[in-house]
Protein backbone atom coordinates (compact mmCIF):
# COMPACT_ATOMS: atom_id res chain seq x y z
CA MET A 1 31.65 -24.59 28.34
CA SER A 2 35.32 -23.49 28.53
CA LYS A 3 36.77 -22.09 31.32
CA ALA A 4 37.91 -18.60 31.16
CA PHE A 5 41.12 -17.76 30.22
CA ALA A 6 41.47 -14.86 32.81
CA GLU A 7 40.82 -17.37 35.72
CA MET A 8 43.60 -19.76 34.69
CA SER A 9 46.93 -19.82 36.88
CA LYS A 10 50.21 -19.08 35.09
CA GLU A 11 51.07 -22.83 34.97
CA GLU A 12 47.73 -23.54 33.19
CA LEU A 13 48.50 -21.12 30.58
CA LEU A 14 51.97 -22.49 29.91
CA THR A 15 50.48 -25.85 29.69
CA LEU A 16 47.92 -24.56 27.25
CA LYS A 17 50.22 -22.34 25.33
CA GLU A 18 52.41 -25.76 24.73
CA GLU A 19 49.49 -27.54 23.47
CA LEU A 20 48.07 -24.88 21.06
CA ASN A 21 51.60 -24.54 20.11
CA LYS A 22 51.59 -27.59 19.09
CA GLU A 23 48.30 -27.61 17.12
CA TYR A 24 49.51 -24.68 15.09
CA SER A 25 52.47 -26.62 14.06
CA GLU A 26 50.15 -29.16 12.90
CA ALA A 27 47.99 -26.60 11.27
CA LYS A 28 50.59 -25.23 9.31
CA SER A 29 51.79 -28.49 8.10
CA LYS A 30 48.11 -28.81 6.18
CA GLY A 31 49.32 -26.51 3.76
CA LEU A 32 45.76 -24.72 3.58
CA ALA A 33 45.44 -22.14 1.02
CA LEU A 34 41.94 -20.28 2.08
CA ASN A 35 40.43 -16.91 1.83
CA MET A 36 38.13 -15.42 3.97
CA ALA A 37 39.43 -11.79 3.24
CA ARG A 38 36.13 -10.30 1.39
CA GLY A 39 32.51 -10.83 0.71
CA LYS A 40 32.96 -12.42 -2.68
CA PRO A 41 29.81 -14.79 -3.93
CA SER A 42 31.28 -18.46 -4.19
CA PRO A 43 31.33 -20.07 -7.92
CA ALA A 44 27.92 -21.64 -6.76
CA GLN A 45 26.33 -18.51 -6.28
CA LEU A 46 27.26 -17.35 -9.70
CA ASP A 47 25.94 -20.17 -11.05
CA LEU A 48 22.65 -19.27 -10.02
CA GLY A 49 22.10 -16.51 -12.29
CA MET A 50 23.52 -17.97 -15.58
CA ALA A 51 20.18 -17.99 -17.17
CA PHE A 52 20.20 -14.19 -16.65
CA LEU A 53 22.72 -14.03 -19.69
CA ASP A 54 19.77 -15.46 -21.77
CA ALA A 55 17.18 -12.89 -20.58
CA VAL A 56 18.20 -10.46 -23.86
CA ASN A 57 19.83 -11.75 -27.11
CA SER A 58 20.39 -10.97 -30.66
CA THR A 59 16.71 -12.53 -31.42
CA SER A 60 15.02 -10.09 -28.07
CA ASP A 61 12.52 -7.06 -28.77
CA MET A 62 15.19 -4.37 -27.24
CA LEU A 63 11.97 -1.86 -26.22
CA SER A 64 11.83 -0.83 -22.89
CA ASP A 65 8.35 0.67 -21.77
CA GLY A 66 7.22 -0.71 -25.50
CA LYS A 67 8.81 2.64 -26.76
CA ILE A 68 12.43 2.98 -25.78
CA ASP A 69 15.08 1.75 -27.84
CA THR A 70 17.50 0.41 -25.07
CA ARG A 71 20.39 0.08 -28.18
CA ASN A 72 20.18 3.74 -28.39
CA TYR A 73 20.59 6.87 -26.52
CA GLY A 74 18.25 8.43 -23.71
CA GLU A 75 16.83 7.81 -20.58
CA LEU A 76 19.64 9.29 -18.59
CA ASP A 77 18.16 8.42 -15.13
CA GLY A 78 16.90 5.03 -16.59
CA ILE A 79 14.47 2.83 -18.17
CA PRO A 80 11.04 3.08 -16.53
CA GLU A 81 11.04 -0.59 -15.56
CA ALA A 82 14.56 -0.29 -14.07
CA LYS A 83 13.60 2.63 -11.89
CA LYS A 84 10.53 0.61 -10.35
CA LEU A 85 12.68 -2.41 -9.74
CA MET A 86 15.57 -0.47 -8.22
CA ALA A 87 12.85 1.40 -6.31
CA ASP A 88 11.02 -1.56 -5.12
CA ILE A 89 14.35 -3.13 -3.81
CA MET A 90 14.92 -0.05 -1.82
CA GLU A 91 11.25 0.34 -0.80
CA THR A 92 10.82 3.98 -1.97
CA LYS A 93 9.50 5.48 -5.19
CA PRO A 94 10.53 5.19 -8.63
CA GLU A 95 10.78 9.21 -9.29
CA ASN A 96 13.09 9.31 -6.52
CA VAL A 97 15.59 7.03 -8.35
CA ILE A 98 18.05 7.31 -10.88
CA VAL A 99 19.46 3.90 -12.37
CA CYS A 100 23.32 4.19 -12.83
CA GLY A 101 26.06 1.58 -14.02
CA ASN A 102 27.24 -1.62 -12.48
CA ALA A 103 28.51 -0.48 -9.00
CA SER A 104 27.10 1.56 -6.22
CA LEU A 105 30.50 2.41 -5.04
CA ASN A 106 31.16 4.33 -8.08
CA ILE A 107 28.20 6.96 -7.15
CA MET A 108 29.25 7.25 -3.98
CA TYR A 109 32.40 8.46 -5.20
CA ASP A 110 30.98 10.58 -7.67
CA THR A 111 28.72 11.93 -5.02
CA VAL A 112 31.62 12.85 -2.52
CA SER A 113 33.65 14.13 -5.81
CA ARG A 114 30.32 16.28 -6.72
CA ALA A 115 30.19 17.76 -3.47
CA TYR A 116 33.87 18.57 -3.19
CA THR A 117 34.58 20.22 -6.49
CA HIS A 118 30.74 21.88 -6.85
CA GLY A 119 28.85 21.70 -3.98
CA LEU A 120 25.49 20.48 -3.45
CA LEU A 121 22.56 22.50 -4.00
CA GLY A 122 24.42 25.88 -4.41
CA ASN A 123 26.53 25.42 -1.33
CA THR A 124 30.07 26.22 -1.27
CA PRO A 125 31.98 23.33 -3.03
CA TRP A 126 33.87 21.45 0.12
CA CYS A 127 37.38 21.96 -1.44
CA LYS A 128 36.84 25.59 -0.82
CA LEU A 129 36.17 24.91 2.82
CA ASP A 130 39.00 25.22 5.69
CA LYS A 131 38.11 21.89 6.93
CA VAL A 132 35.58 19.05 5.97
CA LYS A 133 34.67 16.20 8.28
CA PHE A 134 32.63 13.01 7.87
CA LEU A 135 31.15 10.73 10.65
CA CYS A 136 32.30 7.18 10.55
CA PRO A 137 30.55 4.46 12.31
CA ALA A 138 32.82 1.75 13.02
CA PRO A 139 33.41 -1.18 12.65
CA GLY A 140 32.41 -0.06 9.11
CA TYR A 141 32.86 -0.63 5.43
CA ASP A 142 36.67 0.02 4.41
CA ARG A 143 35.72 1.51 0.87
CA HIS A 144 33.60 3.95 2.50
CA PHE A 145 36.74 5.45 4.52
CA ALA A 146 38.81 4.90 1.37
CA ILE A 147 36.75 7.44 -0.60
CA THR A 148 36.56 9.98 2.01
CA GLU A 149 40.50 9.67 2.87
CA HIS A 150 41.01 9.81 -0.70
CA PHE A 151 39.73 13.33 -0.82
CA GLY A 152 41.36 14.76 2.25
CA ILE A 153 37.96 14.65 4.42
CA GLU A 154 38.47 14.17 7.93
CA MET A 155 37.09 10.94 9.29
CA ILE A 156 35.54 10.87 12.91
CA THR A 157 35.05 7.40 14.40
CA VAL A 158 31.23 6.99 15.91
CA PRO A 159 30.72 3.90 17.62
CA MET A 160 28.19 1.16 16.11
CA THR A 161 25.33 -0.43 18.18
CA PRO A 162 22.98 -3.46 17.57
CA ALA A 163 20.83 -0.48 16.74
CA GLY A 164 23.07 1.02 14.48
CA PRO A 165 25.43 3.92 14.85
CA ASP A 166 25.10 5.70 18.16
CA MET A 167 22.96 8.55 17.84
CA ASP A 168 23.52 10.18 20.98
CA ILE A 169 27.23 11.12 19.21
CA VAL A 170 25.86 11.39 15.62
CA GLU A 171 23.41 14.33 17.06
CA GLU A 172 26.13 15.74 19.13
CA TRP A 173 28.52 16.19 16.31
CA VAL A 174 26.13 17.03 13.63
CA SER A 175 24.23 19.78 15.38
CA LYS A 176 27.20 21.36 17.19
CA ASP A 177 30.03 21.47 13.99
CA GLU A 178 29.29 22.73 10.49
CA THR A 179 32.23 21.35 9.15
CA VAL A 180 30.32 17.59 9.41
CA LYS A 181 29.19 17.53 6.19
CA GLY A 182 28.20 13.85 5.93
CA ILE A 183 28.02 10.20 7.53
CA TRP A 184 28.20 6.67 5.78
CA VAL A 185 25.48 4.42 6.97
CA VAL A 186 25.17 0.56 6.12
CA PRO A 187 21.45 0.65 7.75
CA LYS A 188 20.64 -3.26 7.03
CA TYR A 189 22.98 -6.05 7.92
CA SER A 190 25.89 -3.82 8.20
CA ASN A 191 29.48 -4.43 7.13
CA PRO A 192 30.98 -6.43 9.40
CA GLN A 193 28.66 -6.57 12.14
CA GLY A 194 25.22 -7.59 10.66
CA TYR A 195 23.73 -5.11 12.46
CA SER A 196 20.37 -3.08 11.36
CA CYS A 197 19.22 0.35 12.45
CA SER A 198 16.24 0.21 14.59
CA ASP A 199 13.03 2.34 13.71
CA GLU A 200 14.21 4.72 16.45
CA THR A 201 17.72 4.98 14.76
CA VAL A 202 16.35 5.83 11.36
CA LYS A 203 13.92 8.57 13.04
CA ARG A 204 16.71 10.06 14.75
CA PHE A 205 18.45 10.36 11.56
CA ALA A 206 15.49 11.73 9.52
CA ALA A 207 14.95 14.10 12.28
CA LEU A 208 18.75 15.40 12.72
CA LYS A 209 18.97 19.37 12.66
CA PRO A 210 22.49 19.94 11.08
CA ALA A 211 24.76 22.79 11.34
CA ALA A 212 25.74 22.28 7.85
CA LYS A 213 22.93 23.10 5.34
CA ASP A 214 24.73 20.64 2.96
CA PHE A 215 25.21 17.87 5.38
CA ARG A 216 24.12 14.50 4.08
CA ILE A 217 23.72 10.87 5.00
CA PHE A 218 25.29 8.65 2.75
CA TRP A 219 22.86 5.47 3.27
CA ASP A 220 24.64 2.70 1.61
CA ASN A 221 21.84 -0.02 1.44
CA ALA A 222 23.97 -2.30 -0.07
CA TYR A 223 22.29 -6.10 1.97
CA VAL A 224 18.45 -4.82 1.85
CA VAL A 225 17.52 -7.86 0.18
CA HIS A 226 20.24 -10.28 1.57
CA HIS A 227 18.54 -12.18 4.22
CA LEU A 228 20.43 -15.29 5.62
CA TYR A 229 16.80 -16.69 6.58
CA ASP A 230 13.43 -17.24 4.68
CA GLU A 231 11.29 -17.10 7.98
CA GLU A 232 10.12 -13.30 8.12
CA SER A 233 10.78 -13.62 11.74
CA ARG A 234 14.59 -13.88 11.28
CA GLN A 235 14.42 -11.25 8.90
CA ASP A 236 15.59 -7.39 9.78
CA LYS A 237 12.92 -4.98 8.78
CA LEU A 238 13.95 -1.51 7.85
CA LEU A 239 12.17 1.85 7.78
CA ASP A 240 12.21 4.01 4.80
CA ILE A 241 14.89 6.78 5.02
CA ILE A 242 13.70 8.82 1.80
CA SER A 243 10.14 8.78 3.38
CA GLU A 244 11.10 9.50 6.92
CA CYS A 245 13.39 12.65 5.75
CA GLU A 246 10.34 13.99 4.19
CA LYS A 247 8.09 13.54 7.23
CA ALA A 248 10.50 15.41 9.35
CA GLY A 249 11.06 18.23 6.99
CA ASN A 250 14.55 17.49 5.88
CA PRO A 251 13.98 15.62 2.08
CA ASP A 252 17.44 16.70 0.70
CA MET A 253 19.49 15.10 3.70
CA VAL A 254 19.79 11.72 2.43
CA PHE A 255 21.41 9.82 -0.88
CA GLU A 256 20.39 6.04 -0.75
CA PHE A 257 22.52 3.48 -2.66
CA CYS A 258 21.91 0.49 -3.69
CA SER A 259 23.03 -2.40 -6.41
CA THR A 260 22.61 -5.99 -7.86
CA SER A 261 26.73 -6.64 -7.34
CA LYS A 262 25.69 -9.50 -5.41
CA VAL A 263 22.20 -10.46 -6.91
CA SER A 264 23.04 -11.07 -10.32
CA PHE A 265 26.77 -10.53 -11.18
CA ALA A 266 29.53 -8.48 -9.20
CA GLY A 267 30.53 -6.10 -12.26
CA ALA A 268 27.54 -6.61 -14.44
CA GLY A 269 24.80 -5.72 -12.15
CA ILE A 270 22.93 -2.11 -12.00
CA SER A 271 23.09 0.62 -9.32
CA ALA A 272 20.75 3.22 -8.11
CA VAL A 273 20.72 6.35 -6.13
CA ALA A 274 17.60 7.55 -4.22
CA SER A 275 16.95 10.98 -2.91
CA SER A 276 14.78 14.15 -3.12
CA ALA A 277 13.62 15.87 -6.15
CA ALA A 278 16.16 18.34 -5.64
CA ASN A 279 18.86 16.27 -5.00
CA ILE A 280 17.89 14.35 -8.24
CA ALA A 281 17.85 17.15 -10.33
CA ASP A 282 21.18 18.13 -9.08
CA ILE A 283 22.75 15.30 -9.48
CA LYS A 284 21.25 15.40 -13.46
CA LYS A 285 22.81 18.36 -14.24
CA SER A 286 26.29 16.47 -13.69
CA LEU A 287 25.22 13.63 -15.17
CA THR A 288 24.19 15.17 -18.62
CA ILE A 289 27.99 16.40 -18.82
CA GLN A 290 29.65 13.01 -17.35
CA THR A 291 27.91 10.43 -19.34
CA ILE A 292 25.54 9.86 -22.42
CA GLY A 293 23.87 7.37 -20.72
CA TYR A 294 24.21 4.07 -18.64
CA ASP A 295 23.76 0.55 -20.25
CA LYS A 296 20.16 0.23 -20.83
CA ILE A 297 20.40 -3.26 -22.31
CA ASN A 298 21.64 -4.43 -19.00
CA GLN A 299 18.75 -2.54 -17.20
CA LEU A 300 16.36 -4.50 -19.61
CA ARG A 301 18.31 -7.48 -18.95
CA HIS A 302 17.90 -7.17 -15.38
CA VAL A 303 13.90 -6.66 -15.87
CA ARG A 304 13.17 -9.25 -18.13
CA TYR A 305 15.10 -11.97 -15.75
CA PHE A 306 13.83 -10.79 -12.64
CA LYS A 307 10.47 -9.54 -13.89
CA ASP A 308 9.70 -7.59 -10.68
CA ILE A 309 10.81 -7.66 -6.68
CA ASN A 310 9.19 -10.76 -5.84
CA GLY A 311 11.52 -12.33 -8.62
CA VAL A 312 14.41 -11.00 -6.91
CA LYS A 313 12.92 -12.17 -3.29
CA GLU A 314 13.02 -15.87 -4.71
CA HIS A 315 16.38 -15.47 -6.51
CA MET A 316 17.83 -14.45 -3.00
CA LYS A 317 16.41 -17.12 -1.56
CA LYS A 318 18.81 -19.38 -3.74
CA HIS A 319 21.49 -17.30 -2.05
CA ALA A 320 20.35 -17.83 1.14
CA ALA A 321 20.39 -21.41 0.75
CA LEU A 322 23.96 -21.38 0.04
CA LEU A 323 25.33 -18.63 2.11
CA ARG A 324 23.46 -20.19 5.59
CA PRO A 325 25.18 -23.40 6.09
CA LYS A 326 28.40 -21.63 5.79
CA PHE A 327 27.38 -19.13 8.41
CA GLU A 328 26.28 -21.46 10.64
CA ALA A 329 29.28 -23.73 10.20
CA CYS A 330 31.62 -20.74 11.18
CA GLU A 331 29.01 -19.57 14.00
CA GLN A 332 29.18 -23.38 15.39
CA VAL A 333 32.73 -23.52 15.80
CA LEU A 334 33.15 -20.35 17.31
CA LYS A 335 30.44 -21.25 20.07
CA ASN A 336 32.05 -24.64 20.69
CA GLU A 337 35.64 -23.41 21.14
CA LEU A 338 35.33 -19.70 22.43
CA GLU A 339 32.13 -19.46 24.23
CA GLY A 340 32.75 -19.13 28.08
CA THR A 341 36.66 -18.45 27.52
CA GLY A 342 36.01 -14.86 27.88
CA ILE A 343 38.57 -14.12 24.98
CA ALA A 344 36.37 -13.22 22.26
CA THR A 345 32.59 -12.40 21.08
CA TRP A 346 31.10 -12.43 17.84
CA THR A 347 28.05 -11.59 15.90
CA THR A 348 25.01 -13.73 14.40
CA PRO A 349 23.75 -11.79 11.97
CA ASN A 350 20.53 -12.65 10.19
CA GLY A 351 21.84 -11.40 6.91
CA GLY A 352 24.47 -9.81 4.86
CA TYR A 353 27.95 -11.06 4.04
CA PHE A 354 29.87 -10.64 7.27
CA ILE A 355 30.49 -11.93 11.04
CA SER A 356 32.42 -9.60 13.04
CA LEU A 357 34.66 -10.88 15.73
CA GLU A 358 36.45 -9.18 18.53
CA VAL A 359 39.33 -10.33 19.98
CA MET A 360 41.17 -9.45 23.22
CA ALA A 361 42.57 -6.04 23.00
CA GLY A 362 46.26 -6.02 21.15
CA CYS A 363 45.64 -9.10 19.52
CA ALA A 364 43.66 -9.05 16.27
CA LYS A 365 46.81 -8.05 14.07
CA LYS A 366 48.73 -11.24 15.80
CA VAL A 367 45.64 -13.27 14.94
CA VAL A 368 45.56 -12.09 11.44
CA ALA A 369 49.20 -12.78 10.96
CA MET A 370 49.03 -15.93 12.38
CA CYS A 371 46.37 -17.24 10.22
CA LYS A 372 48.26 -16.50 7.29
CA GLU A 373 51.27 -17.65 7.87
CA ALA A 374 49.06 -21.21 8.40
CA GLY A 375 47.24 -20.61 4.79
CA VAL A 376 44.06 -18.46 5.75
CA THR A 377 43.90 -15.14 4.53
CA LEU A 378 41.48 -12.46 6.92
CA THR A 379 40.80 -8.96 6.10
CA GLY A 380 43.70 -7.00 7.28
CA ALA A 381 43.02 -6.06 10.95
CA GLY A 382 42.04 -2.39 11.51
CA ALA A 383 40.77 -2.37 7.68
CA THR A 384 37.12 -1.92 9.51
CA TYR A 385 38.44 1.58 11.18
CA PRO A 386 39.18 5.13 9.61
CA TYR A 387 42.90 5.32 8.72
CA LYS A 388 42.82 1.60 9.14
CA ASN A 389 43.59 2.21 12.80
CA ASP A 390 41.56 -0.07 15.23
CA PRO A 391 42.17 1.45 18.49
CA LYS A 392 41.52 -1.47 20.56
CA ASP A 393 43.39 -3.77 17.80
CA SER A 394 40.62 -6.22 18.63
CA ASN A 395 38.25 -6.35 15.40
CA ILE A 396 38.23 -8.88 13.02
CA ARG A 397 36.05 -9.32 9.98
CA ILE A 398 35.33 -12.71 8.86
CA ALA A 399 33.65 -13.03 5.18
CA PRO A 400 32.09 -16.84 5.04
CA SER A 401 30.56 -16.52 1.60
CA TYR A 402 33.34 -17.59 -0.91
CA PRO A 403 34.47 -21.16 1.22
CA SER A 404 32.28 -23.97 1.08
CA PRO A 405 30.95 -24.89 4.40
CA GLU A 406 33.87 -27.64 4.94
CA GLU A 407 36.31 -25.23 4.49
CA MET A 408 34.78 -22.41 6.48
CA SER A 409 34.68 -24.98 9.09
CA GLN A 410 38.28 -25.69 8.72
CA ALA A 411 39.33 -21.98 8.34
CA THR A 412 37.34 -21.21 11.46
CA ASP A 413 39.43 -24.29 13.42
CA LEU A 414 42.38 -22.23 12.38
CA LEU A 415 41.11 -18.83 13.11
CA VAL A 416 39.93 -19.91 17.10
CA LEU A 417 43.50 -21.72 17.41
CA CYS A 418 44.99 -18.70 16.75
CA VAL A 419 42.75 -16.60 18.97
CA LYS A 420 43.24 -18.77 21.93
CA LEU A 421 47.28 -18.58 21.02
CA ALA A 422 47.01 -15.10 20.84
CA ALA A 423 44.90 -14.71 24.04
CA VAL A 424 47.31 -17.05 26.33
CA GLU A 425 50.39 -14.91 25.01
CA LYS A 426 48.99 -11.93 25.76
CA LEU A 427 47.72 -13.32 29.38
CA LEU A 428 51.27 -14.17 29.93
CA GLU A 429 52.75 -10.87 29.39
CA VAL A 430 50.79 -9.26 32.18
């Protein structure tokens, strides 16, 4: 175990700084070009699904449910088999589901846009209100924050805990401020910390008593089947938010989103929204104007290839086998190099696509810049907070999926070197 940096004398810190600077110069001379900026599936992961493209071809029977011609118009909310598949992935009922295009982000944008321009279930459109606020658990998903910022919605940062968003703060805001219209939540293997909402957190969400009649939980269940480990003991479990809201007498309070973008292919998957009967009917009113229908042939392709939820789970085990060594390689370097130094903490998730690293306050931007200069690209510091403003300048999102395990070790070696160097320089400023 390393010595805590804060316990070092000035002379020890200066000596260490000299050693680290030498290592950093050597690292820069290696000409690295590694990218850990976004959670992209690796080419090996994409190769897993190539037979998916053969599931439907020019000789295929194109009928869904034995009678629906997927080549034609109709079935605005998706073919029955695809509705069941996406419902099983989200652990809800097919009647709660609309199957859409390739990206759940598109549905989330449309849902905010619909609320903004036309209102939800007869409520005043948000664009006609003086103030609209959204709760944003952070660190969180930068694209969520980009949507709300795009519509000029004020974002309120809510701290994350290992059990999910801090529900004391959520309940306080939601119950007392009618301008709070929504909250973003990645309930399972959150981006970037890999945390999952506990049963208590889900139940507290379902039991919220909003001051605003049109308050909605935007439940982005992006990583619901993205476990890193096959053993059930190492897989996080999540209660079904839709049934919990029904039980609590708040059936209309949640929109749940999901896609197969990291299951089949990014840009060629299918996505879905699940909600109450009233919300589903409300969404369909807009959809009849917005689109003639989504890609039913792609929906059929997914059903023919995966067959059912068990087929999805087996396929995801193959993804896990490729991802797991990368996460473990990264975590091993972090542990070997930073444990006991007192200058960093990190998460060790059971699933998802990210590891969240907390460095010394005031050091994240510097670490990211140093890494980039030496050939390793990370997500921009601050990106995991609303307005890209990390108040502590301490959070760094690590995306291990794209590099190979060997590259992941190399990249993490450089990352910890930069974390140490930034910390030493910060301590010497004091």
